Amino acid sequence: MYSCSANEEYIEITNVTEQGILNQTLNLPMSEFNYSNINIPAYFLDNNLTREDNSPNFNAISNEGATLGRVLFYDTSLSKNNTVSCASCHDQAKSFSDDRKLSVGFEGGLTGRNSMSLANARFYRNGRFFWDERATSLENQVLIPI
């Protein structure tokens, strides 16, 4: 069952066509991806990179959580004026960053900095995020812009 935000009624997706339309509307892939059991390339394992994983033990990756994160990452309704999402500056095609010297803010003006790349953020050794390192974890980081 999926919720309709307009009147909080629930609809049931009953066929593949409806599921495809929903996935397209929410910017989801047509087939589910197994986020919780990703096949990591050998070069990540050969250099003990898994020891650098800064994800907390109490917040294990799950398919449901990763899918929710993907939807929220592209959702403009989380911005103050409903015009930008995380993906507006952290473009997947550009290593989850942008190619501008200064990123564009939610009101169209330039920010004071370029958006940092989010690629492999869970393996960032320092474990602190933003240019001034004010976020002490990934969990803390995602809440600050909102």
Protein backbone atom coordinates (compact mmCIF):
# COMPACT_ATOMS: atom_id res chain seq x y z
CA MET A 1 0.00 0.00 0.00
CA TYR A 2 1.23 3.49 -0.82
CA SER A 3 -0.01 6.72 0.75
CA CYS A 4 -1.45 9.55 -1.32
CA SER A 5 -0.42 12.82 0.28
CA ALA A 6 -3.40 14.80 -1.06
CA ASN A 7 -6.03 13.32 1.21
CA GLU A 8 -4.12 10.69 3.22
CA GLU A 9 -6.04 7.83 1.63
CA TYR A 10 -4.25 4.64 0.71
CA ILE A 11 -4.09 3.11 -2.72
CA GLU A 12 -3.05 -0.38 -3.60
CA ILE A 13 -0.69 -1.00 -6.50
CA THR A 14 -2.12 -4.02 -8.27
CA ASN A 15 -0.14 -4.42 -11.47
CA VAL A 16 3.27 -3.89 -13.04
CA THR A 17 2.13 -0.86 -15.06
CA GLU A 18 0.92 0.99 -11.94
CA GLN A 19 4.15 0.10 -10.13
CA GLY A 20 6.16 1.44 -13.09
CA ILE A 21 4.24 4.71 -13.05
CA LEU A 22 4.79 5.05 -9.30
CA ASN A 23 8.51 4.30 -9.64
CA GLN A 24 8.84 6.88 -12.43
CA THR A 25 6.92 9.48 -10.41
CA LEU A 26 9.13 8.93 -7.35
CA ASN A 27 12.29 8.73 -9.47
CA LEU A 28 12.87 5.09 -8.44
CA PRO A 29 14.44 2.38 -10.59
CA MET A 30 12.05 -0.02 -12.32
CA SER A 31 13.45 -2.99 -10.43
CA GLU A 32 14.45 -3.10 -6.78
CA PHE A 33 18.12 -2.86 -5.90
CA ASN A 34 19.52 -4.87 -3.02
CA TYR A 35 21.10 -2.05 -1.00
CA SER A 36 21.68 -4.14 2.11
CA ASN A 37 23.86 -6.74 0.39
CA ILE A 38 25.95 -4.85 -2.15
CA ASN A 39 28.68 -6.73 -3.93
CA ILE A 40 31.72 -4.56 -3.07
CA PRO A 41 34.57 -4.61 -5.62
CA ALA A 42 37.78 -6.33 -4.55
CA TYR A 43 39.79 -3.10 -4.51
CA PHE A 44 37.59 -1.86 -1.67
CA LEU A 45 38.28 -5.01 0.32
CA ASP A 46 42.00 -5.40 -0.49
CA ASN A 47 42.99 -2.19 1.30
CA ASN A 48 40.87 -2.75 4.42
CA LEU A 49 38.52 0.07 3.46
CA THR A 50 35.69 -1.69 5.28
CA ARG A 51 37.43 -0.72 8.53
CA GLU A 52 36.87 2.91 7.52
CA ASP A 53 33.08 2.49 7.34
CA ASN A 54 31.74 5.24 9.60
CA SER A 55 28.16 3.94 9.59
CA PRO A 56 27.03 3.31 13.17
CA ASN A 57 26.27 -0.27 14.17
CA PHE A 58 22.79 0.74 15.35
CA ASN A 59 21.81 2.01 11.89
CA ALA A 60 22.31 -0.91 9.52
CA ILE A 61 21.67 -0.41 5.82
CA SER A 62 18.37 -1.89 4.70
CA ASN A 63 16.61 -1.90 1.35
CA GLU A 64 13.70 0.07 2.82
CA GLY A 65 15.95 2.67 4.44
CA ALA A 66 18.09 3.12 1.34
CA THR A 67 15.02 3.46 -0.88
CA LEU A 68 13.57 6.07 1.48
CA GLY A 69 16.91 7.90 1.43
CA ARG A 70 16.92 7.91 -2.36
CA VAL A 71 13.39 9.34 -2.50
CA LEU A 72 14.19 12.04 0.07
CA PHE A 73 17.48 12.92 -1.71
CA TYR A 74 15.50 13.92 -4.81
CA ASP A 75 12.51 15.47 -2.98
CA THR A 76 12.23 19.25 -3.43
CA SER A 77 9.49 19.53 -0.80
CA LEU A 78 12.15 19.32 1.91
CA SER A 79 13.49 22.76 0.97
CA LYS A 80 12.18 25.98 2.46
CA ASN A 81 10.53 27.05 -0.80
CA ASN A 82 9.98 23.62 -2.42
CA THR A 83 12.43 24.29 -5.26
CA VAL A 84 15.63 22.37 -4.51
CA SER A 85 16.58 18.93 -3.30
CA CYS A 86 19.88 17.49 -2.13
CA ALA A 87 20.37 16.29 -5.71
CA SER A 88 20.10 19.87 -6.99
CA CYS A 89 23.70 20.46 -5.86
CA HIS A 90 24.89 16.89 -5.31
CA ASP A 91 24.43 15.68 -8.89
CA GLN A 92 24.90 11.92 -9.28
CA ALA A 93 26.39 12.41 -12.77
CA LYS A 94 29.07 14.67 -11.24
CA SER A 95 30.20 12.38 -8.39
CA PHE A 96 27.37 13.70 -6.22
CA SER A 97 28.75 17.24 -6.41
CA ASP A 98 28.37 20.06 -8.90
CA ASP A 99 30.70 21.67 -11.41
CA ARG A 100 30.19 25.21 -10.21
CA LYS A 101 32.73 27.19 -8.21
CA LEU A 102 29.91 28.21 -5.85
CA SER A 103 26.69 26.24 -5.52
CA VAL A 104 23.30 27.83 -6.13
CA GLY A 105 21.16 28.26 -3.02
CA PHE A 106 17.42 27.69 -2.66
CA GLU A 107 16.60 31.33 -3.46
CA GLY A 108 18.73 31.28 -6.64
CA GLY A 109 21.71 33.15 -5.19
CA LEU A 110 25.19 31.72 -4.89
CA THR A 111 26.27 30.08 -1.67
CA GLY A 112 29.69 30.68 -0.16
CA ARG A 113 30.98 27.24 -1.17
CA ASN A 114 30.93 24.44 -3.70
CA SER A 115 28.94 21.35 -2.74
CA MET A 116 31.24 18.59 -1.52
CA SER A 117 31.09 15.23 -3.24
CA LEU A 118 29.04 12.64 -1.39
CA ALA A 119 30.59 9.68 -3.23
CA ASN A 120 31.66 7.03 -0.71
CA ALA A 121 30.85 9.37 2.20
CA ARG A 122 30.34 6.41 4.52
CA PHE A 123 34.02 5.60 4.06
CA TYR A 124 35.29 9.12 4.76
CA ARG A 125 38.04 8.57 7.32
CA ASN A 126 37.50 11.79 9.24
CA GLY A 127 33.79 11.05 9.72
CA ARG A 128 32.93 14.77 9.85
CA PHE A 129 31.00 16.54 7.09
CA PHE A 130 30.59 20.00 5.54
CA TRP A 131 33.55 22.21 4.71
CA ASP A 132 33.70 23.42 8.33
CA GLU A 133 33.22 19.83 9.65
CA ARG A 134 30.22 20.86 11.78
CA ALA A 135 28.42 17.54 11.23
CA THR A 136 29.88 14.77 13.36
CA SER A 137 28.24 11.90 11.45
CA LEU A 138 26.29 11.13 8.29
CA GLU A 139 23.13 10.93 10.37
CA ASN A 140 23.80 14.43 11.75
CA GLN A 141 24.80 15.77 8.33
CA VAL A 142 21.51 14.96 6.60
CA LEU A 143 19.50 16.87 9.20
CA ILE A 144 21.43 20.15 9.10
CA PRO A 145 20.38 21.38 5.62
CA ILE A 146 16.72 20.69 6.38
